Protein backbone atom coordinates (compact mmCIF):
# COMPACT_ATOMS: atom_id res chain seq x y z
CA UNK A 1 -35.68 5.26 7.72
CA UNK A 2 -33.96 2.33 5.22
CA UNK A 3 -31.50 3.61 2.41
CA UNK A 4 -33.83 3.04 -0.78
CA UNK A 5 -32.96 3.49 -4.11
CA UNK A 6 -34.44 4.43 -7.64
CA UNK A 7 -34.21 2.56 -11.01
CA UNK A 8 -36.49 3.03 -14.01
CA UNK A 9 -39.33 4.21 -11.85
CA UNK A 10 -39.10 1.22 -9.11
CA UNK A 11 -37.55 1.97 -6.07
CA UNK A 12 -35.80 -1.48 -4.12
CA UNK A 13 -33.21 -1.51 -0.85
CA UNK A 14 -29.74 -0.14 -1.41
CA UNK A 15 -28.39 -3.65 -0.63
CA UNK A 16 -26.00 -2.16 2.09
CA UNK A 17 -28.13 -2.40 4.47
CA UNK A 18 -27.69 -5.92 4.38
CA UNK A 19 -24.18 -5.14 5.18
CA UNK A 20 -24.28 -5.49 9.08
CA UNK A 21 -22.35 -7.18 12.07
CA UNK A 22 -19.53 -5.30 10.79
CA UNK A 23 -19.21 -6.24 7.55
CA UNK A 24 -18.44 -3.92 4.56
CA UNK A 25 -20.43 -3.44 0.73
CA UNK A 26 -18.10 -3.55 -1.73
CA UNK A 27 -19.84 -2.48 -5.01
CA UNK A 28 -17.05 -3.85 -7.56
CA UNK A 29 -17.70 -7.57 -6.56
CA UNK A 30 -21.50 -6.77 -4.40
CA UNK A 31 -20.56 -8.51 -1.69
CA UNK A 32 -20.34 -7.69 2.04
CA UNK A 33 -17.15 -8.21 3.49
CA UNK A 34 -15.24 -8.30 7.09
CA UNK A 35 -12.13 -8.16 7.87
CA UNK A 36 -10.88 -10.73 10.95
CA UNK A 37 -8.64 -8.25 13.20
CA UNK A 38 -7.32 -11.61 15.33
CA UNK A 39 -4.51 -13.87 13.82
CA UNK A 40 -6.03 -17.05 13.30
CA UNK A 41 -4.99 -20.20 11.64
CA UNK A 42 -6.60 -20.80 8.43
CA UNK A 43 -9.02 -23.44 9.94
CA UNK A 44 -9.86 -20.93 13.07
CA UNK A 45 -10.52 -18.58 10.44
CA UNK A 46 -12.18 -20.26 7.95
CA UNK A 47 -14.00 -21.46 11.45
CA UNK A 48 -14.26 -17.95 12.93
CA UNK A 49 -16.31 -17.15 9.42
CA UNK A 50 -18.75 -19.79 9.57
CA UNK A 51 -20.20 -19.06 12.92
CA UNK A 52 -21.02 -15.72 11.68
CA UNK A 53 -23.47 -17.86 8.62
CA UNK A 54 -20.49 -16.38 6.29
CA UNK A 55 -17.19 -18.11 4.82
CA UNK A 56 -13.43 -17.00 3.97
CA UNK A 57 -14.06 -14.10 0.82
CA UNK A 58 -13.30 -16.18 -3.01
CA UNK A 59 -11.22 -13.75 -4.95
CA UNK A 60 -11.66 -15.63 -8.34
CA UNK A 61 -10.87 -12.17 -10.44
CA UNK A 62 -8.06 -9.55 -10.20
CA UNK A 63 -10.94 -6.56 -10.30
CA UNK A 64 -11.87 -8.42 -6.62
CA UNK A 65 -8.75 -8.57 -5.35
CA UNK A 66 -8.23 -4.93 -6.79
CA UNK A 67 -11.88 -3.85 -5.00
CA UNK A 68 -9.59 -4.71 -1.52
CA UNK A 69 -6.80 -2.45 -3.04
CA UNK A 70 -6.82 0.06 0.48
CA UNK A 71 -6.54 -2.66 3.15
CA UNK A 72 -3.67 -1.74 4.76
CA UNK A 73 -4.51 1.87 4.42
CA UNK A 74 -5.56 1.68 8.45
CA UNK A 75 -1.59 0.42 8.46
CA UNK A 76 -0.43 4.16 6.74
CA UNK A 77 -0.08 7.31 9.45
CA UNK A 78 0.09 9.62 6.23
CA UNK A 79 -0.77 9.17 2.75
CA UNK A 80 -1.06 5.55 1.53
CA UNK A 81 -0.38 4.54 -2.10
CA UNK A 82 -2.50 1.63 -3.31
CA UNK A 83 -1.25 -1.59 -5.62
CA UNK A 84 2.70 -0.35 -4.67
CA UNK A 85 1.80 -0.41 -1.16
CA UNK A 86 3.97 2.18 0.06
CA UNK A 87 3.22 5.25 3.17
CA UNK A 88 4.24 8.52 3.27
CA UNK A 89 4.12 10.68 5.75
CA UNK A 90 6.32 14.33 7.09
CA UNK A 91 8.23 14.44 10.14
CA UNK A 92 6.85 16.21 12.73
CA UNK A 93 9.15 19.20 13.31
CA UNK A 94 12.01 21.09 11.24
CA UNK A 95 15.22 20.45 11.16
CA UNK A 96 18.26 19.95 8.74
CA UNK A 97 19.10 17.25 7.00
CA UNK A 98 20.49 14.47 9.27
CA UNK A 99 19.08 14.60 12.02
CA UNK A 100 15.39 14.75 9.89
CA UNK A 101 17.00 11.36 8.07
CA UNK A 102 16.93 10.14 11.84
CA UNK A 103 13.79 10.50 12.55
CA UNK A 104 12.50 9.17 9.43
CA UNK A 105 14.27 6.13 10.52
CA UNK A 106 13.68 5.74 13.90
CA UNK A 107 9.44 5.78 12.38
CA UNK A 108 10.54 2.90 9.89
CA UNK A 109 10.99 4.64 7.69
CA UNK A 110 13.86 5.97 5.13
CA UNK A 111 13.90 9.25 3.19
CA UNK A 112 11.30 9.43 0.41
CA UNK A 113 11.77 9.27 -3.69
CA UNK A 114 9.04 8.04 -6.06
CA UNK A 115 8.93 5.20 -8.29
CA UNK A 116 7.01 7.87 -10.44
CA UNK A 117 4.77 10.86 -11.61
CA UNK A 118 1.44 10.25 -10.70
CA UNK A 119 2.67 8.80 -7.03
CA UNK A 120 4.64 12.23 -6.56
CA UNK A 121 1.75 14.00 -7.62
CA UNK A 122 -1.15 12.06 -5.66
CA UNK A 123 1.54 12.61 -2.46
CA UNK A 124 1.84 16.14 -2.33
CA UNK A 125 -1.66 16.39 -2.66
CA UNK A 126 -2.41 14.49 -0.21
CA UNK A 127 0.35 15.48 2.45
CA UNK A 128 -0.84 19.32 1.82
CA UNK A 129 3.10 20.10 0.54
CA UNK A 130 1.15 21.34 -2.81
CA UNK A 131 -0.38 25.22 -2.11
CA UNK A 132 2.33 25.08 0.89
CA UNK A 133 5.02 27.38 1.19
CA UNK A 134 6.59 25.22 2.97
CA UNK A 135 10.41 24.03 1.71
CA UNK A 136 10.10 19.10 2.44
CA UNK A 137 13.73 17.60 2.07
CA UNK A 138 13.47 14.28 0.52
CA UNK A 139 15.58 11.52 -0.41
CA UNK A 140 17.61 12.18 -3.50
CA UNK A 141 20.92 13.58 -3.43
CA UNK A 142 24.30 13.65 -5.05
CA UNK A 143 26.34 12.80 -1.67
CA UNK A 144 28.96 10.35 -4.16
CA UNK A 145 29.16 12.42 -7.56
CA UNK A 146 27.47 16.47 -7.53
CA UNK A 147 25.38 16.65 -10.01
CA UNK A 148 25.05 13.07 -9.67
CA UNK A 149 21.46 11.75 -8.14
CA UNK A 150 20.25 9.40 -6.76
CA UNK A 151 17.43 7.86 -4.20
CA UNK A 152 17.92 7.60 -1.07
CA UNK A 153 19.29 3.53 -1.09
CA UNK A 154 21.12 5.41 -4.23
CA UNK A 155 19.26 3.90 -7.09
CA UNK A 156 18.79 5.18 -9.95
CA UNK A 157 15.68 8.23 -9.93
CA UNK A 158 12.46 7.22 -12.17
CA UNK A 159 11.53 10.11 -13.40
CA UNK A 160 14.04 13.54 -13.36
CA UNK A 161 10.28 15.82 -14.87
CA UNK A 162 10.75 17.80 -10.97
CA UNK A 163 14.56 18.48 -10.68
CA UNK A 164 15.43 21.52 -11.26
CA UNK A 165 17.66 22.64 -14.26
CA UNK A 166 20.89 22.56 -12.82
CA UNK A 167 22.49 22.50 -16.84
CA UNK A 168 21.61 26.33 -16.01
CA UNK A 169 21.87 26.51 -12.65
CA UNK A 170 25.07 24.16 -11.61
CA UNK A 171 25.52 22.61 -8.55
CA UNK A 172 26.93 23.78 -5.28
CA UNK A 173 29.48 21.11 -3.52
CA UNK A 174 27.95 22.79 0.01
CA UNK A 175 24.40 21.53 -1.38
CA UNK A 176 23.61 18.03 -2.12
CA UNK A 177 19.88 17.02 -0.88
CA UNK A 178 16.59 18.02 -2.52
CA UNK A 179 13.76 19.61 -1.17
CA UNK A 180 10.22 20.28 -2.13
CA UNK A 181 9.63 23.64 -3.82
CA UNK A 182 5.91 23.89 -3.33
CA UNK A 183 6.30 27.92 -4.20
CA UNK A 184 8.15 26.99 -7.42
CA UNK A 185 5.51 24.05 -9.02
CA UNK A 186 6.78 21.56 -6.74
CA UNK A 187 10.48 20.85 -8.50
CA UNK A 188 13.59 19.76 -6.25
CA UNK A 189 15.89 22.42 -5.36
CA UNK A 190 19.58 21.77 -3.85
CA UNK A 191 19.59 22.61 -0.74
CA UNK A 192 22.59 23.00 2.44
CA UNK A 193 21.91 19.79 4.03
CA UNK A 194 23.84 21.19 7.70
CA UNK A 195 21.98 24.51 7.54
CA UNK A 196 18.35 24.37 6.14
CA UNK A 197 15.96 23.03 8.88
CA UNK A 198 12.33 21.85 7.09
CA UNK A 199 10.38 19.04 7.92
CA UNK A 200 11.01 15.38 5.58
CA UNK A 201 9.01 13.21 3.55
CA UNK A 202 10.28 10.11 4.32
CA UNK A 203 8.45 6.66 3.07
CA UNK A 204 8.15 2.95 4.04
CA UNK A 205 7.20 -0.54 2.43
CA UNK A 206 3.71 -0.94 3.53
CA UNK A 207 3.80 -5.36 3.79
CA UNK A 208 0.18 -6.56 5.23
CA UNK A 209 -1.83 -10.16 4.60
CA UNK A 210 -4.82 -11.83 5.16
CA UNK A 211 -5.94 -15.57 4.70
CA UNK A 212 -8.99 -16.05 2.34
CA UNK A 213 -10.85 -18.93 1.31
CA UNK A 214 -8.94 -20.92 -0.48
CA UNK A 215 -6.08 -24.02 -0.24
CA UNK A 216 -4.66 -27.07 -1.60
CA UNK A 217 -4.91 -29.80 1.34
CA UNK A 218 -6.74 -32.11 -0.39
CA UNK A 219 -4.96 -32.83 -3.49
CA UNK A 220 -1.80 -31.31 -2.98
CA UNK A 221 -1.03 -28.85 -6.51
CA UNK A 222 -4.50 -28.79 -7.15
CA UNK A 223 -6.06 -25.31 -5.76
CA UNK A 224 -9.61 -24.92 -4.65
CA UNK A 225 -11.67 -22.30 -3.66
CA UNK A 226 -13.35 -23.41 -0.45
CA UNK A 227 -16.86 -23.50 -3.29
CA UNK A 228 -15.23 -26.06 -5.10
CA UNK A 229 -14.11 -23.37 -8.12
CA UNK A 230 -10.47 -23.81 -10.04
CA UNK A 231 -8.13 -20.74 -8.37
CA UNK A 232 -6.42 -18.96 -11.58
CA UNK A 233 -2.82 -19.63 -10.66
CA UNK A 234 -1.65 -15.94 -13.09
CA UNK A 235 -3.09 -14.16 -9.20
CA UNK A 236 -0.32 -16.61 -7.50
CA UNK A 237 2.96 -14.03 -6.58
CA UNK A 238 5.79 -14.88 -9.35
CA UNK A 239 7.11 -17.84 -7.60
CA UNK A 240 4.33 -19.31 -5.28
CA UNK A 241 3.51 -21.63 -4.88
CA UNK A 242 6.58 -22.57 -3.55
CA UNK A 243 5.51 -24.25 -0.40
CA UNK A 244 4.67 -28.11 -1.82
CA UNK A 245 2.91 -29.23 1.24
CA UNK A 246 4.28 -27.57 4.13
CA UNK A 247 2.09 -24.74 2.48
CA UNK A 248 -1.55 -25.21 1.58
CA UNK A 249 -3.37 -22.29 2.65
CA UNK A 250 -3.98 -20.00 0.65
CA UNK A 251 -2.91 -16.40 1.42
CA UNK A 252 -3.31 -12.61 0.02
CA UNK A 253 -0.13 -10.54 0.12
CA UNK A 254 0.03 -6.86 0.11
CA UNK A 255 3.60 -5.43 -0.47
CA UNK A 256 5.43 -3.24 -3.29
CA UNK A 257 5.31 -5.81 -5.69
CA UNK A 258 1.43 -5.74 -5.61
CA UNK A 259 -1.11 -7.65 -4.43
CA UNK A 260 -1.96 -10.97 -4.94
CA UNK A 261 -1.55 -14.68 -3.71
CA UNK A 262 1.04 -16.81 -1.41
CA UNK A 263 1.01 -20.43 -0.29
CA UNK A 264 1.75 -20.02 3.66
CA UNK A 265 1.78 -22.69 6.62
CA UNK A 266 -2.28 -22.72 7.49
CA UNK A 267 -1.00 -22.57 11.38
CA UNK A 268 0.51 -19.53 11.37
CA UNK A 269 -1.93 -16.57 12.49
CA UNK A 270 -2.94 -14.20 10.08
CA UNK A 271 -5.88 -11.84 9.96
CA UNK A 272 -8.66 -13.08 7.98
CA UNK A 273 -11.47 -12.00 5.59
CA UNK A 274 -14.90 -12.93 5.50
CA UNK A 275 -17.92 -12.62 2.50
CA UNK A 276 -21.37 -12.72 2.58
CA UNK A 277 -22.65 -12.44 -0.57
């Protein structure tokens, strides 16, 4: 039975039913789009879309880019955080700090830290830590100086809202790593990294990019969509486009610094996105 929607007493078919052949309907953009996971040159990617009577996707506004923010989720076996494009997950078995650290690194990540409170809360909920009774290692430590808490890469903490009150409780020289304690409002408490065996939260940056429907192949420096519209240059990443005549095709790139456009060599094989309006 086709899916019907009622508006002002009138029934009509939902547009989603026309997104066949693997296409997905986007409420934000009112288009059907399809991610092509085969790596092709920009020209071959365009031809693939044309062969399906569609076209390379046109993202002329920031909200259309935002509508695709979850595309890299398939690269994350854990909790994917859009916009900053980070993946968080837990090590499979409890261990002391350093073996857990090794497990993170061997999986392509590092012990976790957080850019803001919202990300922290999202991740502890998504990974089932909130409501658990099991502590979890994170990357925050004071290895270099007792009480000088830093992220795993030794950068300063972005926030300390969940850091236990060490001015009241003090610090311990034999406890240099922090763990999330779910039973104490998700606060971060010192734990002995040599004797305590718990799981560790890991993180890694996700980088993902796709050919989309723009280029400056016709006139160097004049970036146009396939339908002839001028591309909004503010949607390019800072420092882009920077390839001059060598990089003439448009890529949508997801990285830790956001989801923005880059110019690329048209012959480089990439995934791509088609659209059906």
